[in-house]
Structures are given as structure tokens and as C-alpha cells.
Amino acid sequence: MNDFSGCYVVLDRDMEELIFDTMVFSTYEKALKYVQNAIKDGQNLYDRVFQDDKNSWIMQNDGEQSRIIEISNKAIW
């Protein structure tokens, strides 16, 4: 069994395309940098981009499913 304590998991779910990505980062800062880059790329692709809570962001076009990105330090393996 692997010990993933101290790791941060980014869940990137594009509900429109049914694409689910999971990335593991060694620090919160690295995970946040990935999210910031994804949001920067998404600014031109989505009508609305907003932060849902401290560790969750939503990108959405009107009338379509959302793309949700979350950072968590808890994962089930």
C-alpha cells in the first residue's frame, strides 16, 4: 500500500465531454499552479469561470455542462 499523505490530488472533470483527469502533486502550490494554468487556458474557451469555494473552480458555457476542477488532500486509492 502506498502512502500518499502530504500529496494533493487535482480532479479535473469535463462533464460535457465526459472526460475525468486525476493528477497527484507533492505540494499544494504545484497543484494550484496546474489549476491556475487550466483556468488561464479556459478563459477563452468558456463563457464563465468562477471559484466555487477555496479549492474548487467551475468553467461553464451557457446551456452546457460544467468543467469542474478541485484540489483535495484526501483521496481513496
N, C-alpha and C. Protein backbone atom coordinates (compact mmCIF):
# COMPACT_ATOMS: atom_id res chain seq x y z
N MET A 1 0.85 -1.18 0.00
CA MET A 1 0.00 0.00 0.00
C MET A 1 0.89 1.23 0.00
N ASN A 2 0.57 2.18 -0.87
CA ASN A 2 1.35 3.40 -0.97
C ASN A 2 0.87 4.42 0.05
N ASP A 3 1.81 5.24 0.53
CA ASP A 3 1.48 6.31 1.46
C ASP A 3 1.41 7.61 0.67
N PHE A 4 0.19 8.14 0.49
CA PHE A 4 0.01 9.37 -0.27
C PHE A 4 -0.23 10.56 0.66
N SER A 5 0.09 10.42 1.95
CA SER A 5 -0.09 11.54 2.85
C SER A 5 0.84 12.67 2.43
N GLY A 6 0.37 13.87 2.51
CA GLY A 6 1.16 15.02 2.09
C GLY A 6 1.05 15.30 0.60
N CYS A 7 0.26 14.53 -0.12
CA CYS A 7 0.06 14.75 -1.55
C CYS A 7 -1.27 15.46 -1.77
N TYR A 8 -1.35 16.14 -2.90
CA TYR A 8 -2.57 16.85 -3.27
C TYR A 8 -3.06 16.31 -4.60
N VAL A 9 -4.34 16.04 -4.67
CA VAL A 9 -4.94 15.47 -5.86
C VAL A 9 -5.78 16.55 -6.54
N VAL A 10 -5.59 16.69 -7.85
CA VAL A 10 -6.42 17.59 -8.64
C VAL A 10 -7.36 16.72 -9.47
N LEU A 11 -8.65 16.95 -9.29
CA LEU A 11 -9.68 16.28 -10.07
C LEU A 11 -10.19 17.27 -11.10
N ASP A 12 -10.05 16.94 -12.36
CA ASP A 12 -10.46 17.81 -13.46
C ASP A 12 -11.54 17.07 -14.24
N ARG A 13 -12.78 17.52 -14.09
CA ARG A 13 -13.92 16.81 -14.68
C ARG A 13 -14.62 17.70 -15.70
N ASP A 14 -14.53 17.30 -16.95
CA ASP A 14 -15.25 17.99 -18.03
C ASP A 14 -16.54 17.22 -18.25
N MET A 15 -17.62 17.72 -17.70
CA MET A 15 -18.88 16.98 -17.71
C MET A 15 -19.51 16.95 -19.11
N GLU A 16 -19.21 17.93 -19.95
CA GLU A 16 -19.77 17.97 -21.31
C GLU A 16 -19.16 16.85 -22.16
N GLU A 17 -17.84 16.68 -22.07
CA GLU A 17 -17.14 15.68 -22.87
C GLU A 17 -16.98 14.34 -22.14
N LEU A 18 -17.41 14.30 -20.87
CA LEU A 18 -17.27 13.12 -20.02
C LEU A 18 -15.81 12.67 -19.92
N ILE A 19 -14.93 13.64 -19.69
CA ILE A 19 -13.51 13.39 -19.50
C ILE A 19 -13.17 13.65 -18.04
N PHE A 20 -12.52 12.69 -17.40
CA PHE A 20 -12.14 12.82 -16.00
C PHE A 20 -10.64 12.62 -15.89
N ASP A 21 -9.93 13.62 -15.41
CA ASP A 21 -8.49 13.53 -15.21
C ASP A 21 -8.18 13.66 -13.73
N THR A 22 -7.17 12.92 -13.30
CA THR A 22 -6.69 12.99 -11.92
C THR A 22 -5.19 13.12 -11.95
N MET A 23 -4.67 14.13 -11.25
CA MET A 23 -3.24 14.34 -11.15
C MET A 23 -2.85 14.41 -9.68
N VAL A 24 -1.67 13.91 -9.35
CA VAL A 24 -1.17 13.95 -7.98
C VAL A 24 0.04 14.87 -7.95
N PHE A 25 0.05 15.79 -6.99
CA PHE A 25 1.14 16.75 -6.83
C PHE A 25 1.71 16.64 -5.42
N SER A 26 2.98 16.94 -5.30
CA SER A 26 3.65 16.81 -4.00
C SER A 26 3.36 17.97 -3.06
N THR A 27 2.94 19.12 -3.60
CA THR A 27 2.63 20.27 -2.75
C THR A 27 1.35 20.94 -3.23
N TYR A 28 0.73 21.68 -2.33
CA TYR A 28 -0.48 22.43 -2.68
C TYR A 28 -0.15 23.48 -3.74
N GLU A 29 1.01 24.10 -3.64
CA GLU A 29 1.41 25.14 -4.59
C GLU A 29 1.51 24.60 -6.01
N LYS A 30 2.03 23.39 -6.18
CA LYS A 30 2.13 22.79 -7.51
C LYS A 30 0.74 22.45 -8.05
N ALA A 31 -0.12 21.96 -7.19
CA ALA A 31 -1.49 21.66 -7.61
C ALA A 31 -2.22 22.94 -8.01
N LEU A 32 -2.03 23.99 -7.22
CA LEU A 32 -2.68 25.27 -7.52
C LEU A 32 -2.15 25.86 -8.82
N LYS A 33 -0.87 25.70 -9.09
CA LYS A 33 -0.29 26.19 -10.35
C LYS A 33 -0.95 25.49 -11.55
N TYR A 34 -1.16 24.18 -11.45
CA TYR A 34 -1.86 23.45 -12.51
C TYR A 34 -3.25 24.04 -12.72
N VAL A 35 -3.97 24.26 -11.63
CA VAL A 35 -5.33 24.80 -11.71
C VAL A 35 -5.31 26.19 -12.34
N GLN A 36 -4.38 27.03 -11.91
CA GLN A 36 -4.29 28.38 -12.47
C GLN A 36 -4.02 28.35 -13.96
N ASN A 37 -3.16 27.45 -14.41
CA ASN A 37 -2.88 27.32 -15.84
C ASN A 37 -4.11 26.83 -16.59
N ALA A 38 -4.85 25.88 -16.02
CA ALA A 38 -6.07 25.37 -16.65
C ALA A 38 -7.11 26.47 -16.76
N ILE A 39 -7.23 27.29 -15.72
CA ILE A 39 -8.19 28.39 -15.73
C ILE A 39 -7.77 29.43 -16.77
N LYS A 40 -6.49 29.72 -16.83
CA LYS A 40 -5.98 30.68 -17.83
C LYS A 40 -6.31 30.19 -19.24
N ASP A 41 -6.10 28.90 -19.51
CA ASP A 41 -6.42 28.32 -20.81
C ASP A 41 -7.93 28.34 -21.06
N GLY A 42 -8.71 28.17 -20.00
CA GLY A 42 -10.15 28.12 -20.13
C GLY A 42 -10.83 29.47 -20.31
N GLN A 43 -10.12 30.55 -20.03
CA GLN A 43 -10.72 31.89 -20.16
C GLN A 43 -11.27 32.12 -21.56
N ASN A 44 -10.59 31.60 -22.58
CA ASN A 44 -11.02 31.78 -23.96
C ASN A 44 -12.01 30.71 -24.42
N LEU A 45 -12.15 29.64 -23.66
CA LEU A 45 -13.00 28.52 -24.07
C LEU A 45 -14.38 28.52 -23.42
N TYR A 46 -14.51 29.19 -22.29
CA TYR A 46 -15.76 29.16 -21.53
C TYR A 46 -16.32 30.55 -21.32
N ASP A 47 -17.64 30.64 -21.24
CA ASP A 47 -18.30 31.93 -21.02
C ASP A 47 -18.08 32.44 -19.60
N ARG A 48 -18.10 31.52 -18.65
CA ARG A 48 -17.94 31.90 -17.24
C ARG A 48 -16.91 31.01 -16.57
N VAL A 49 -16.04 31.64 -15.80
CA VAL A 49 -15.07 30.92 -14.97
C VAL A 49 -15.15 31.56 -13.59
N PHE A 50 -15.42 30.73 -12.57
CA PHE A 50 -15.50 31.29 -11.22
C PHE A 50 -15.06 30.27 -10.19
N GLN A 51 -14.66 30.80 -9.04
CA GLN A 51 -14.23 29.95 -7.93
C GLN A 51 -15.45 29.62 -7.10
N ASP A 52 -15.72 28.32 -6.94
CA ASP A 52 -16.89 27.85 -6.20
C ASP A 52 -16.65 27.90 -4.70
N ASP A 53 -15.49 27.45 -4.27
CA ASP A 53 -15.07 27.57 -2.88
C ASP A 53 -13.55 27.63 -2.87
N LYS A 54 -12.94 27.47 -1.71
CA LYS A 54 -11.49 27.66 -1.60
C LYS A 54 -10.70 26.76 -2.54
N ASN A 55 -11.14 25.55 -2.77
CA ASN A 55 -10.39 24.59 -3.58
C ASN A 55 -11.17 24.03 -4.75
N SER A 56 -12.11 24.81 -5.28
CA SER A 56 -12.96 24.32 -6.37
C SER A 56 -13.28 25.46 -7.34
N TRP A 57 -13.14 25.18 -8.64
CA TRP A 57 -13.40 26.16 -9.68
C TRP A 57 -14.33 25.55 -10.71
N ILE A 58 -15.18 26.39 -11.30
CA ILE A 58 -16.13 25.94 -12.31
C ILE A 58 -15.95 26.78 -13.56
N MET A 59 -15.89 26.09 -14.71
CA MET A 59 -15.86 26.75 -16.01
C MET A 59 -17.09 26.27 -16.76
N GLN A 60 -17.83 27.21 -17.36
CA GLN A 60 -19.12 26.81 -17.94
C GLN A 60 -19.49 27.70 -19.12
N ASN A 61 -20.06 27.08 -20.13
CA ASN A 61 -20.73 27.78 -21.22
C ASN A 61 -22.22 27.73 -20.96
N ASP A 62 -22.93 28.75 -21.38
CA ASP A 62 -24.37 28.78 -21.17
C ASP A 62 -25.03 27.59 -21.84
N GLY A 63 -25.87 26.89 -21.10
CA GLY A 63 -26.62 25.77 -21.63
C GLY A 63 -25.85 24.46 -21.74
N GLU A 64 -24.62 24.42 -21.28
CA GLU A 64 -23.81 23.20 -21.35
C GLU A 64 -23.40 22.76 -19.96
N GLN A 65 -22.90 21.54 -19.88
CA GLN A 65 -22.40 21.01 -18.61
C GLN A 65 -21.11 21.73 -18.23
N SER A 66 -20.81 21.73 -16.95
CA SER A 66 -19.64 22.42 -16.42
C SER A 66 -18.37 21.60 -16.52
N ARG A 67 -17.25 22.28 -16.46
CA ARG A 67 -15.96 21.66 -16.20
C ARG A 67 -15.61 22.08 -14.78
N ILE A 68 -15.36 21.11 -13.92
CA ILE A 68 -15.10 21.36 -12.51
C ILE A 68 -13.70 20.90 -12.18
N ILE A 69 -12.94 21.77 -11.52
CA ILE A 69 -11.58 21.43 -11.09
C ILE A 69 -11.51 21.61 -9.58
N GLU A 70 -11.04 20.58 -8.90
CA GLU A 70 -10.95 20.62 -7.44
C GLU A 70 -9.57 20.17 -6.98
N ILE A 71 -9.12 20.73 -5.87
CA ILE A 71 -7.89 20.28 -5.20
C ILE A 71 -8.29 19.64 -3.89
N SER A 72 -7.73 18.46 -3.63
CA SER A 72 -8.03 17.78 -2.38
C SER A 72 -6.75 17.13 -1.85
N ASN A 73 -6.64 17.04 -0.56
CA ASN A 73 -5.52 16.29 0.01
C ASN A 73 -6.01 14.95 0.56
N LYS A 74 -7.23 14.59 0.17
CA LYS A 74 -7.79 13.30 0.57
C LYS A 74 -8.17 12.53 -0.68
N ALA A 75 -7.69 11.35 -0.80
CA ALA A 75 -8.00 10.51 -1.97
C ALA A 75 -8.18 9.08 -1.53
N ILE A 76 -9.01 8.37 -2.23
CA ILE A 76 -9.21 6.95 -1.96
C ILE A 76 -8.54 6.19 -3.09
N TRP A 77 -7.64 5.31 -2.76
CA TRP A 77 -6.89 4.56 -3.78
C TRP A 77 -7.29 3.11 -3.71
